Amino acid sequence: MKYAVKTDIGKRVHNEDSYLLTEKNKFPMLFAVADGMGGHAAGAVASKLLVEQLAMFESMVEPGRELELLRQAIEKANLGIFRASEKDRALSGMGTTLVAALILGHDYIAANVGDSRMYQYHNKTLDTVTTDHSLVEQLVLAGAITKDEARVHPQRNIITRAMGVAPKVDVDLFERVWAPGDILVICSDGLHGSVEEEDMITVLSSGRSLESMCDVLIQLALDNGGTDNITVILVRFEEGDEL
């Protein structure tokens, strides 16, 4: 398995995105992106707290209980962020999104809260694994607006679920399979809000290195006028991987 990551501040004052990469040769492998929110850089604190908490997940892993334990780890991290915001007035109201992939071999578990997103690239197609918790996604699902209209909707940045804003959180979990050659795209909305899926497919089909693909995707977001922080992790199932 190979993976790469890149994050860019975009046109913001602070980069409030954080990410988690499991140390190489560890298994199972956990990858995550968190997009923080909150005034005076409190969002950066929230996203950093989240990935620090999730980094301890490997000590919890028990075969056959991965989904249950991942949910528990996310719920514990959520409570930790909430309590930190209660203790420090400067951090009041801070929160963060979460999208994560726990690689178990030919299977993986995806988790998300908020509008950070995961895709699975397979045979030159791109499947959206997670469902955004956002106002515009609700409007799309209700048939009130189209996906194209959602991309430019004036309320597209309003999310309906986040980590750390309440003592309990509802986490979406998805159990999926993947195959050699597949690539998981784990990203903040700074990427998927600015780059069309057709352009992502072009990049992912290019044969470039994962590092180069990350660079190109970030640059596309910037060239398309993206102003938000942009973070992307690419994880590829290599032929011959023994998982």
C-alpha atoms as a PDB file:
ATOM      1  CA  MET A   1       0.000   0.000   0.000  1.00  0.00           C
ATOM      2  CA  LYS A   2       1.180   3.484  -0.825  1.00  0.00           C
ATOM      3  CA  TYR A   3      -0.116   6.820   0.376  1.00  0.00           C
ATOM      4  CA  ALA A   4       0.597  10.529   0.148  1.00  0.00           C
ATOM      5  CA  VAL A   5      -0.787  13.711   1.665  1.00  0.00           C
ATOM      6  CA  LYS A   6      -0.720  17.424   0.990  1.00  0.00           C
ATOM      7  CA  THR A   7      -2.346  20.362   2.759  1.00  0.00           C
ATOM      8  CA  ASP A   8      -2.496  23.995   1.673  1.00  0.00           C
ATOM      9  CA  ILE A   9      -3.637  27.099   3.533  1.00  0.00           C
ATOM     10  CA  GLY A  10      -5.471  28.397   0.460  1.00  0.00           C
ATOM     11  CA  LYS A  11      -6.368  32.053   0.953  1.00  0.00           C
ATOM     12  CA  ARG A  12      -7.098  31.784   4.666  1.00  0.00           C
ATOM     13  CA  VAL A  13      -5.083  33.300   7.511  1.00  0.00           C
ATOM     14  CA  HIS A  14      -4.782  29.964   9.320  1.00  0.00           C
ATOM     15  CA  ASN A  15      -4.755  26.361   8.150  1.00  0.00           C
ATOM     16  CA  GLU A  16      -7.402  24.777  10.368  1.00  0.00           C
ATOM     17  CA  ASP A  17      -7.176  21.383   8.620  1.00  0.00           C
ATOM     18  CA  SER A  18      -5.353  18.514  10.331  1.00  0.00           C
ATOM     19  CA  TYR A  19      -4.665  14.990   9.142  1.00  0.00           C
ATOM     20  CA  LEU A  20      -3.633  11.590  10.473  1.00  0.00           C
ATOM     21  CA  LEU A  21      -1.403   9.028   8.781  1.00  0.00           C
ATOM     22  CA  THR A  22      -0.796   5.716  10.510  1.00  0.00           C
ATOM     23  CA  GLU A  23       2.878   4.933  10.879  1.00  0.00           C
ATOM     24  CA  LYS A  24       4.163   2.681   8.115  1.00  0.00           C
ATOM     25  CA  ASN A  25       4.186  -1.066   8.812  1.00  0.00           C
ATOM     26  CA  LYS A  26       1.378  -0.662  11.359  1.00  0.00           C
ATOM     27  CA  PHE A  27      -1.831  -2.595  10.788  1.00  0.00           C
ATOM     28  CA  PRO A  28      -4.707  -1.919  10.565  1.00  0.00           C
ATOM     29  CA  MET A  29      -4.005   1.512   9.101  1.00  0.00           C
ATOM     30  CA  LEU A  30      -6.037   4.601   9.987  1.00  0.00           C
ATOM     31  CA  PHE A  31      -6.118   7.745   7.856  1.00  0.00           C
ATOM     32  CA  ALA A  32      -8.133  10.859   8.686  1.00  0.00           C
ATOM     33  CA  VAL A  33      -8.757  14.463   7.650  1.00  0.00           C
ATOM     34  CA  ALA A  34     -10.323  17.027   9.997  1.00  0.00           C
ATOM     35  CA  ASP A  35     -11.474  20.497   8.944  1.00  0.00           C
ATOM     36  CA  GLY A  36     -11.708  22.758  11.984  1.00  0.00           C
ATOM     37  CA  MET A  37     -14.120  25.592  12.604  1.00  0.00           C
ATOM     38  CA  GLY A  38     -14.207  28.347  15.213  1.00  0.00           C
ATOM     39  CA  GLY A  39     -13.048  31.926  15.645  1.00  0.00           C
ATOM     40  CA  HIS A  40      -9.478  33.019  16.397  1.00  0.00           C
ATOM     41  CA  ALA A  41      -7.984  29.750  15.077  1.00  0.00           C
ATOM     42  CA  ALA A  42      -9.980  27.621  17.530  1.00  0.00           C
ATOM     43  CA  GLY A  43     -10.814  25.357  14.607  1.00  0.00           C
ATOM     44  CA  ALA A  44      -7.148  24.444  14.316  1.00  0.00           C
ATOM     45  CA  VAL A  45      -7.203  23.423  17.976  1.00  0.00           C
ATOM     46  CA  ALA A  46     -10.301  21.270  17.459  1.00  0.00           C
ATOM     47  CA  SER A  47      -8.944  19.461  14.404  1.00  0.00           C
ATOM     48  CA  LYS A  48      -5.563  18.900  16.076  1.00  0.00           C
ATOM     49  CA  LEU A  49      -7.214  17.503  19.222  1.00  0.00           C
ATOM     50  CA  LEU A  50      -9.262  15.153  17.063  1.00  0.00           C
ATOM     51  CA  VAL A  51      -6.341  13.618  15.194  1.00  0.00           C
ATOM     52  CA  GLU A  52      -4.289  13.375  18.402  1.00  0.00           C
ATOM     53  CA  GLN A  53      -7.108  11.398  20.021  1.00  0.00           C
ATOM     54  CA  LEU A  54      -7.549   9.141  17.000  1.00  0.00           C
ATOM     55  CA  ALA A  55      -3.806   8.476  16.842  1.00  0.00           C
ATOM     56  CA  MET A  56      -4.272   6.390  19.989  1.00  0.00           C
ATOM     57  CA  PHE A  57      -6.805   4.129  18.259  1.00  0.00           C
ATOM     58  CA  GLU A  58      -4.251   1.429  17.418  1.00  0.00           C
ATOM     59  CA  SER A  59      -4.055   0.481  21.099  1.00  0.00           C
ATOM     60  CA  MET A  60      -7.799  -0.297  21.015  1.00  0.00           C
ATOM     61  CA  VAL A  61      -7.874  -2.604  18.005  1.00  0.00           C
ATOM     62  CA  GLU A  62      -9.357  -6.058  18.512  1.00  0.00           C
ATOM     63  CA  PRO A  63     -10.017  -8.323  15.488  1.00  0.00           C
ATOM     64  CA  GLY A  64     -13.716  -8.514  14.732  1.00  0.00           C
ATOM     65  CA  ARG A  65     -14.574  -5.400  16.768  1.00  0.00           C
ATOM     66  CA  GLU A  66     -12.997  -2.744  14.567  1.00  0.00           C
ATOM     67  CA  LEU A  67     -16.225  -0.950  13.620  1.00  0.00           C
ATOM     68  CA  GLU A  68     -17.513  -0.832  17.195  1.00  0.00           C
ATOM     69  CA  LEU A  69     -14.169   0.337  18.558  1.00  0.00           C
ATOM     70  CA  LEU A  70     -13.709   2.963  15.846  1.00  0.00           C
ATOM     71  CA  ARG A  71     -17.106   4.404  16.719  1.00  0.00           C
ATOM     72  CA  GLN A  72     -16.131   4.473  20.391  1.00  0.00           C
ATOM     73  CA  ALA A  73     -12.822   6.187  19.608  1.00  0.00           C
ATOM     74  CA  ILE A  74     -14.584   8.892  17.582  1.00  0.00           C
ATOM     75  CA  GLU A  75     -17.202   9.425  20.291  1.00  0.00           C
ATOM     76  CA  LYS A  76     -14.449   9.718  22.911  1.00  0.00           C
ATOM     77  CA  ALA A  77     -12.576  12.240  20.768  1.00  0.00           C
ATOM     78  CA  ASN A  78     -15.765  14.238  20.315  1.00  0.00           C
ATOM     79  CA  LEU A  79     -16.275  14.452  24.076  1.00  0.00           C
ATOM     80  CA  GLY A  80     -12.658  15.510  24.568  1.00  0.00           C
ATOM     81  CA  ILE A  81     -13.061  18.410  22.126  1.00  0.00           C
ATOM     82  CA  PHE A  82     -16.334  19.472  23.736  1.00  0.00           C
ATOM     83  CA  ARG A  83     -14.829  19.479  27.236  1.00  0.00           C
ATOM     84  CA  ALA A  84     -11.801  21.464  26.050  1.00  0.00           C
ATOM     85  CA  SER A  85     -14.124  24.110  24.613  1.00  0.00           C
ATOM     86  CA  GLU A  86     -15.991  24.332  27.913  1.00  0.00           C
ATOM     87  CA  LYS A  87     -12.790  24.879  29.890  1.00  0.00           C
ATOM     88  CA  ASP A  88     -11.417  27.711  27.738  1.00  0.00           C
ATOM     89  CA  ARG A  89     -13.670  30.618  26.757  1.00  0.00           C
ATOM     90  CA  ALA A  90     -11.434  31.364  23.759  1.00  0.00           C
ATOM     91  CA  LEU A  91     -12.272  27.914  22.389  1.00  0.00           C
ATOM     92  CA  SER A  92     -16.017  28.126  23.020  1.00  0.00           C
ATOM     93  CA  GLY A  93     -18.046  26.750  20.123  1.00  0.00           C
ATOM     94  CA  MET A  94     -15.096  25.222  18.316  1.00  0.00           C
ATOM     95  CA  GLY A  95     -15.652  22.087  16.267  1.00  0.00           C
ATOM     96  CA  THR A  96     -14.348  20.084  13.364  1.00  0.00           C
ATOM     97  CA  THR A  97     -15.415  17.753  10.620  1.00  0.00           C
ATOM     98  CA  LEU A  98     -14.012  14.241  10.315  1.00  0.00           C
ATOM     99  CA  VAL A  99     -13.520  11.773   7.510  1.00  0.00           C
ATOM    100  CA  ALA A 100     -11.502   8.632   8.175  1.00  0.00           C
ATOM    101  CA  ALA A 101     -10.598   5.301   6.592  1.00  0.00           C
ATOM    102  CA  LEU A 102      -9.613   2.251   8.622  1.00  0.00           C
ATOM    103  CA  ILE A 103      -7.891  -0.218   6.296  1.00  0.00           C
ATOM    104  CA  LEU A 104      -8.454  -3.843   7.290  1.00  0.00           C
ATOM    105  CA  GLY A 105      -7.127  -5.575   4.178  1.00  0.00           C
ATOM    106  CA  HIS A 106      -9.441  -6.050   1.214  1.00  0.00           C
ATOM    107  CA  ASP A 107     -12.076  -4.364   3.396  1.00  0.00           C
ATOM    108  CA  TYR A 108     -12.102  -0.924   4.951  1.00  0.00           C
ATOM    109  CA  ILE A 109     -14.350   1.123   7.200  1.00  0.00           C
ATOM    110  CA  ALA A 110     -15.112   4.744   6.328  1.00  0.00           C
ATOM    111  CA  ALA A 111     -16.337   7.198   8.964  1.00  0.00           C
ATOM    112  CA  ASN A 112     -17.528  10.764   8.623  1.00  0.00           C
ATOM    113  CA  VAL A 113     -19.042  13.667  10.498  1.00  0.00           C
ATOM    114  CA  GLY A 114     -19.595  16.912   8.590  1.00  0.00           C
ATOM    115  CA  ASP A 115     -18.725  17.703   4.984  1.00  0.00           C
ATOM    116  CA  SER A 116     -15.210  16.360   4.593  1.00  0.00           C
ATOM    117  CA  ARG A 117     -15.479  13.529   2.110  1.00  0.00           C
ATOM    118  CA  MET A 118     -14.124  10.196   0.887  1.00  0.00           C
ATOM    119  CA  TYR A 119     -14.136   8.838  -2.651  1.00  0.00           C
ATOM    120  CA  GLN A 120     -13.086   5.449  -4.014  1.00  0.00           C
ATOM    121  CA  TYR A 121     -11.466   5.455  -7.443  1.00  0.00           C
ATOM    122  CA  HIS A 122     -11.933   2.144  -9.293  1.00  0.00           C
ATOM    123  CA  ASN A 123     -11.506   1.365 -13.000  1.00  0.00           C
ATOM    124  CA  LYS A 124     -11.631   5.041 -14.025  1.00  0.00           C
ATOM    125  CA  THR A 125     -14.794   5.715 -12.031  1.00  0.00           C
ATOM    126  CA  LEU A 126     -15.163   7.728  -8.825  1.00  0.00           C
ATOM    127  CA  ASP A 127     -17.639   6.620  -6.181  1.00  0.00           C
ATOM    128  CA  THR A 128     -18.558   8.916  -3.291  1.00  0.00           C
ATOM    129  CA  VAL A 129     -18.277   6.732  -0.182  1.00  0.00           C
ATOM    130  CA  THR A 130     -19.481   9.183   2.479  1.00  0.00           C
ATOM    131  CA  THR A 131     -22.538  11.436   2.672  1.00  0.00           C
ATOM    132  CA  ASP A 132     -22.004  15.115   3.499  1.00  0.00           C
ATOM    133  CA  HIS A 133     -23.756  16.429   6.588  1.00  0.00           C
ATOM    134  CA  SER A 134     -24.564  19.814   5.095  1.00  0.00           C
ATOM    135  CA  LEU A 135     -27.541  21.970   4.268  1.00  0.00           C
ATOM    136  CA  VAL A 136     -26.973  21.746   0.516  1.00  0.00           C
ATOM    137  CA  GLU A 137     -26.658  17.954   0.647  1.00  0.00           C
ATOM    138  CA  GLN A 138     -30.047  17.809   2.359  1.00  0.00           C
ATOM    139  CA  LEU A 139     -31.468  20.021  -0.394  1.00  0.00           C
ATOM    140  CA  VAL A 140     -29.945  17.792  -3.090  1.00  0.00           C
ATOM    141  CA  LEU A 141     -31.341  14.629  -1.474  1.00  0.00           C
ATOM    142  CA  ALA A 142     -34.754  16.290  -1.238  1.00  0.00           C
ATOM    143  CA  GLY A 143     -34.627  17.166  -4.935  1.00  0.00           C
ATOM    144  CA  ALA A 144     -34.799  20.900  -4.204  1.00  0.00           C
ATOM    145  CA  ILE A 145     -31.503  21.690  -5.975  1.00  0.00           C
ATOM    146  CA  THR A 146     -29.098  19.870  -8.286  1.00  0.00           C
ATOM    147  CA  LYS A 147     -25.504  18.905  -7.477  1.00  0.00           C
ATOM    148  CA  ASP A 148     -24.298  21.654  -9.804  1.00  0.00           C
ATOM    149  CA  GLU A 149     -26.463  24.205  -7.990  1.00  0.00           C
ATOM    150  CA  ALA A 150     -25.143  22.938  -4.648  1.00  0.00           C
ATOM    151  CA  ARG A 151     -21.586  23.769  -5.669  1.00  0.00           C
ATOM    152  CA  VAL A 152     -22.384  27.491  -5.951  1.00  0.00           C
ATOM    153  CA  HIS A 153     -25.187  27.750  -3.394  1.00  0.00           C
ATOM    154  CA  PRO A 154     -24.697  30.739  -1.022  1.00  0.00           C
ATOM    155  CA  GLN A 155     -25.240  28.445   1.999  1.00  0.00           C
ATOM    156  CA  ARG A 156     -22.965  25.640   0.809  1.00  0.00           C
ATOM    157  CA  ASN A 157     -20.658  26.053   3.828  1.00  0.00           C
ATOM    158  CA  ILE A 158     -23.364  25.361   6.406  1.00  0.00           C
ATOM    159  CA  ILE A 159     -22.854  21.938   7.961  1.00  0.00           C
ATOM    160  CA  THR A 160     -25.501  20.088   9.939  1.00  0.00           C
ATOM    161  CA  ARG A 161     -23.237  17.873  12.016  1.00  0.00           C
ATOM    162  CA  ALA A 162     -19.778  18.420  13.540  1.00  0.00           C
ATOM    163  CA  MET A 163     -17.367  17.005  16.086  1.00  0.00           C
ATOM    164  CA  GLY A 164     -17.032  18.740  19.445  1.00  0.00           C
ATOM    165  CA  VAL A 165     -20.064  21.020  19.413  1.00  0.00           C
ATOM    166  CA  ALA A 166     -22.076  18.756  21.745  1.00  0.00           C
ATOM    167  CA  PRO A 167     -21.127  16.018  24.234  1.00  0.00           C
ATOM    168  CA  LYS A 168     -22.489  13.317  21.911  1.00  0.00           C
ATOM    169  CA  VAL A 169     -22.118  12.902  18.163  1.00  0.00           C
ATOM    170  CA  ASP A 170     -23.797  10.772  15.490  1.00  0.00           C
ATOM    171  CA  VAL A 171     -21.131   9.102  13.336  1.00  0.00           C
ATOM    172  CA  ASP A 172     -21.795   7.604   9.904  1.00  0.00           C
ATOM    173  CA  LEU A 173     -19.860   4.371   9.295  1.00  0.00           C
ATOM    174  CA  PHE A 174     -19.588   2.495   6.004  1.00  0.00           C
ATOM    175  CA  GLU A 175     -18.096  -0.983   5.447  1.00  0.00           C
ATOM    176  CA  ARG A 176     -16.634  -1.278   1.958  1.00  0.00           C
ATOM    177  CA  VAL A 177     -14.315  -3.416  -0.138  1.00  0.00           C
ATOM    178  CA  TRP A 178     -11.561  -2.342  -2.507  1.00  0.00           C
ATOM    179  CA  ALA A 179      -9.164  -4.006  -4.931  1.00  0.00           C
ATOM    180  CA  PRO A 180      -5.605  -3.613  -6.228  1.00  0.00           C
ATOM    181  CA  GLY A 181      -5.300  -0.385  -8.178  1.00  0.00           C
ATOM    182  CA  ASP A 182      -8.087   1.340  -6.267  1.00  0.00           C
ATOM    183  CA  ILE A 183      -7.351   4.724  -4.692  1.00  0.00           C
ATOM    184  CA  LEU A 184      -9.105   6.250  -1.703  1.00  0.00           C
ATOM    185  CA  VAL A 185      -9.387  10.054  -1.817  1.00  0.00           C
ATOM    186  CA  ILE A 186      -9.813  11.477   1.706  1.00  0.00           C
ATOM    187  CA  CYS A 187     -10.266  15.233   1.630  1.00  0.00           C
ATOM    188  CA  SER A 188     -11.626  18.416   3.147  1.00  0.00           C
ATOM    189  CA  ASP A 189     -14.263  20.456   1.322  1.00  0.00           C
ATOM    190  CA  GLY A 190     -11.535  22.801   0.156  1.00  0.00           C
ATOM    191  CA  LEU A 191     -10.828  20.151  -2.478  1.00  0.00           C
ATOM    192  CA  HIS A 192     -14.192  18.665  -3.378  1.00  0.00           C
ATOM    193  CA  GLY A 193     -15.871  22.066  -3.268  1.00  0.00           C
ATOM    194  CA  SER A 194     -13.550  23.415  -5.962  1.00  0.00           C
ATOM    195  CA  VAL A 195     -12.598  20.460  -8.185  1.00  0.00           C
ATOM    196  CA  GLU A 196     -15.105  18.646 -10.388  1.00  0.00           C
ATOM    197  CA  GLU A 197     -15.226  14.872 -10.070  1.00  0.00           C
ATOM    198  CA  GLU A 198     -14.433  14.502 -13.791  1.00  0.00           C
ATOM    199  CA  ASP A 199     -11.196  16.422 -13.207  1.00  0.00           C
ATOM    200  CA  MET A 200     -10.364  14.242 -10.206  1.00  0.00           C
ATOM    201  CA  ILE A 201     -10.782  11.150 -12.399  1.00  0.00           C
ATOM    202  CA  THR A 202      -8.432  12.635 -15.004  1.00  0.00           C
ATOM    203  CA  VAL A 203      -5.756  13.173 -12.352  1.00  0.00           C
ATOM    204  CA  LEU A 204      -6.245   9.761 -10.715  1.00  0.00           C
ATOM    205  CA  SER A 205      -6.035   8.056 -14.134  1.00  0.00           C
ATOM    206  CA  SER A 206      -2.857   9.894 -15.124  1.00  0.00           C
ATOM    207  CA  GLY A 207      -0.314   7.340 -13.902  1.00  0.00           C
ATOM    208  CA  ARG A 208       1.502   9.983 -11.870  1.00  0.00           C
ATOM    209  CA  SER A 209       2.926   9.266  -8.430  1.00  0.00           C
ATOM    210  CA  LEU A 210       0.550   9.766  -5.527  1.00  0.00           C
ATOM    211  CA  GLU A 211       2.619  12.744  -4.384  1.00  0.00           C
ATOM    212  CA  SER A 212       2.299  14.359  -7.809  1.00  0.00           C
ATOM    213  CA  MET A 213      -1.445  13.654  -7.900  1.00  0.00           C
ATOM    214  CA  CYS A 214      -1.842  15.442  -4.560  1.00  0.00           C
ATOM    215  CA  ASP A 215       0.068  18.435  -5.927  1.00  0.00           C
ATOM    216  CA  VAL A 216      -2.077  18.591  -9.070  1.00  0.00           C
ATOM    217  CA  LEU A 217      -5.361  18.268  -7.166  1.00  0.00           C
ATOM    218  CA  ILE A 218      -4.383  21.067  -4.769  1.00  0.00           C
ATOM    219  CA  GLN A 219      -3.336  23.293  -7.654  1.00  0.00           C
ATOM    220  CA  LEU A 220      -6.610  22.634  -9.473  1.00  0.00           C
ATOM    221  CA  ALA A 221      -8.543  23.747  -6.384  1.00  0.00           C
ATOM    222  CA  LEU A 222      -6.475  26.933  -6.186  1.00  0.00           C
ATOM    223  CA  ASP A 223      -6.763  27.612  -9.919  1.00  0.00           C
ATOM    224  CA  ASN A 224     -10.535  27.181  -9.715  1.00  0.00           C
ATOM    225  CA  GLY A 225     -10.745  29.990  -7.187  1.00  0.00           C
ATOM    226  CA  GLY A 226     -10.801  27.916  -4.005  1.00  0.00           C
ATOM    227  CA  THR A 227     -10.192  30.069  -0.947  1.00  0.00           C
ATOM    228  CA  ASP A 228     -10.552  27.485   1.832  1.00  0.00           C
ATOM    229  CA  ASN A 229      -7.864  25.308   3.387  1.00  0.00           C
ATOM    230  CA  ILE A 230      -7.309  22.256   1.185  1.00  0.00           C
ATOM    231  CA  THR A 231      -6.179  18.833   2.415  1.00  0.00           C
ATOM    232  CA  VAL A 232      -6.067  15.544   0.525  1.00  0.00           C
ATOM    233  CA  ILE A 233      -4.797  12.060   1.389  1.00  0.00           C
ATOM    234  CA  LEU A 234      -4.476   9.464  -1.380  1.00  0.00           C
ATOM    235  CA  VAL A 235      -4.206   5.782  -0.433  1.00  0.00           C
ATOM    236  CA  ARG A 236      -3.598   3.173  -3.145  1.00  0.00           C
ATOM    237  CA  PHE A 237      -4.045  -0.602  -2.872  1.00  0.00           C
ATOM    238  CA  GLU A 238      -0.919  -1.937  -4.577  1.00  0.00           C
ATOM    239  CA  GLU A 239      -0.876  -5.156  -6.571  1.00  0.00           C
ATOM    240  CA  GLY A 240       0.754  -7.841  -4.420  1.00  0.00           C
ATOM    241  CA  ASP A 241       0.019  -6.148  -1.099  1.00  0.00           C
ATOM    242  CA  GLU A 242      -0.197  -8.701   1.675  1.00  0.00           C
ATOM    243  CA  LEU A 243      -2.882  -7.360   3.951  1.00  0.00           C
END
